[in-house]
Amino acid sequence: MALSIDPGQLGLQLGSGAVIGALTGFAAKKIAKLVAVLVGVELALFAFLESRGILVVKWDRLTAGLVSAGQDAASSTPPSWAMSILSTLSVSAGFTGGFLLGFRKG
């Protein structure tokens, strides 16, 4: 089975994937920073309200949910996407490189 590869089309897919990945990575980092700040403010507010006796926070139950969610995610097996990954490899490679660059610069 002979593969015919068009270098122009391959370059276009790689380049467009890189641009889209860079924009997505930049936005993802900004959103991640915003979520981290919101979670930090929320936890600080919980601690403050607990110190005033207004709110009772069960910290062990709060962290137990996070630990079990991490264990569930680690034990699940993803479905087989081998053919779809191979067919979109050039766009995926460009997207990954662009995403990492955008995330770093964001």
Protein backbone atom coordinates (compact mmCIF):
# COMPACT_ATOMS: atom_id res chain seq x y z
CA MET A 1 0.00 0.00 0.00
CA ALA A 2 1.64 3.24 -1.15
CA LEU A 3 1.03 6.45 0.73
CA SER A 4 0.85 9.68 -1.20
CA ILE A 5 1.79 12.61 1.01
CA ASP A 6 1.33 16.16 -0.19
CA PRO A 7 3.94 18.34 1.62
CA GLY A 8 1.90 21.51 1.07
CA GLN A 9 -1.23 20.04 2.61
CA LEU A 10 0.79 18.53 5.45
CA GLY A 11 2.40 21.91 6.19
CA LEU A 12 -0.98 23.66 6.09
CA GLN A 13 -2.46 21.17 8.54
CA LEU A 14 0.55 21.38 10.83
CA GLY A 15 0.58 25.18 10.77
CA SER A 16 -3.15 25.61 11.33
CA GLY A 17 -3.04 23.08 14.15
CA ALA A 18 -0.15 25.01 15.74
CA VAL A 19 -2.02 28.34 15.57
CA ILE A 20 -5.22 26.90 17.00
CA GLY A 21 -3.23 25.07 19.68
CA ALA A 22 -1.36 28.24 20.67
CA LEU A 23 -4.60 30.17 21.06
CA THR A 24 -6.20 27.35 23.03
CA GLY A 25 -3.14 26.95 25.28
CA PHE A 26 -3.01 30.68 25.99
CA ALA A 27 -6.71 30.74 26.87
CA ALA A 28 -6.45 27.56 28.96
CA LYS A 29 -3.69 29.03 31.09
CA LYS A 30 -5.64 32.23 31.68
CA ILE A 31 -8.74 30.24 32.64
CA ALA A 32 -6.70 27.93 34.89
CA LYS A 33 -5.27 30.95 36.72
CA LEU A 34 -8.75 32.41 37.19
CA VAL A 35 -10.11 29.09 38.52
CA ALA A 36 -7.14 28.77 40.90
CA VAL A 37 -7.77 32.25 42.28
CA LEU A 38 -11.50 31.56 42.71
CA VAL A 39 -10.87 28.26 44.50
CA GLY A 40 -8.27 29.92 46.74
CA VAL A 41 -10.63 32.76 47.64
CA GLU A 42 -13.41 30.26 48.33
CA LEU A 43 -11.22 28.18 50.64
CA ALA A 44 -10.00 31.30 52.43
CA LEU A 45 -13.62 32.41 52.86
CA PHE A 46 -14.55 28.99 54.25
CA ALA A 47 -11.66 29.16 56.73
CA PHE A 48 -12.63 32.69 57.78
CA LEU A 49 -16.29 31.80 58.27
CA GLU A 50 -15.29 28.69 60.19
CA SER A 51 -13.03 30.72 62.49
CA ARG A 52 -15.97 33.04 63.26
CA GLY A 53 -18.26 30.10 64.05
CA ILE A 54 -20.61 30.89 61.18
CA LEU A 55 -19.84 27.81 59.12
CA VAL A 56 -18.67 24.28 59.90
CA VAL A 57 -16.42 22.77 57.23
CA LYS A 58 -15.67 19.04 57.25
CA TRP A 59 -12.23 19.27 55.68
CA ASP A 60 -11.64 15.51 55.69
CA ARG A 61 -14.81 14.89 53.67
CA LEU A 62 -13.87 17.68 51.27
CA THR A 63 -10.47 16.17 50.49
CA ALA A 64 -11.73 12.57 50.45
CA GLY A 65 -13.89 13.39 47.44
CA LEU A 66 -10.89 14.72 45.57
CA VAL A 67 -8.79 11.67 46.36
CA SER A 68 -11.47 9.23 45.23
CA ALA A 69 -12.08 11.19 42.02
CA GLY A 70 -8.36 11.00 41.23
CA GLN A 71 -8.34 7.27 41.85
CA ASP A 72 -11.40 6.77 39.63
CA ALA A 73 -9.77 8.71 36.79
CA ALA A 74 -6.56 6.72 37.08
CA SER A 75 -8.31 3.34 37.00
CA SER A 76 -10.55 3.95 33.96
CA THR A 77 -9.40 2.73 30.55
CA PRO A 78 -9.87 5.00 27.53
CA PRO A 79 -11.47 3.64 24.35
CA SER A 80 -9.34 2.69 21.34
CA TRP A 81 -8.87 5.67 19.03
CA ALA A 82 -5.90 4.38 17.03
CA MET A 83 -7.30 5.00 13.55
CA SER A 84 -8.63 8.47 14.31
CA ILE A 85 -5.32 9.47 15.91
CA LEU A 86 -3.38 8.26 12.88
CA SER A 87 -5.66 10.13 10.47
CA THR A 88 -5.29 13.43 12.35
CA LEU A 89 -1.65 13.11 13.38
CA SER A 90 -0.39 16.17 11.51
CA VAL A 91 -3.04 18.50 12.93
CA SER A 92 -2.62 16.96 16.37
CA ALA A 93 1.14 17.42 16.36
CA GLY A 94 0.80 21.06 15.37
CA PHE A 95 -1.95 21.63 17.90
CA THR A 96 0.10 20.05 20.70
CA GLY A 97 3.16 22.14 19.92
CA GLY A 98 1.11 25.31 19.63
CA PHE A 99 -0.82 24.53 22.81
CA LEU A 100 2.38 24.07 24.79
CA LEU A 101 3.83 27.30 23.39
CA GLY A 102 0.64 29.26 24.10
CA PHE A 103 0.35 27.79 27.59
CA ARG A 104 3.94 28.73 28.35
CA LYS A 105 3.55 32.30 27.04
CA GLY A 106 0.15 32.79 28.70
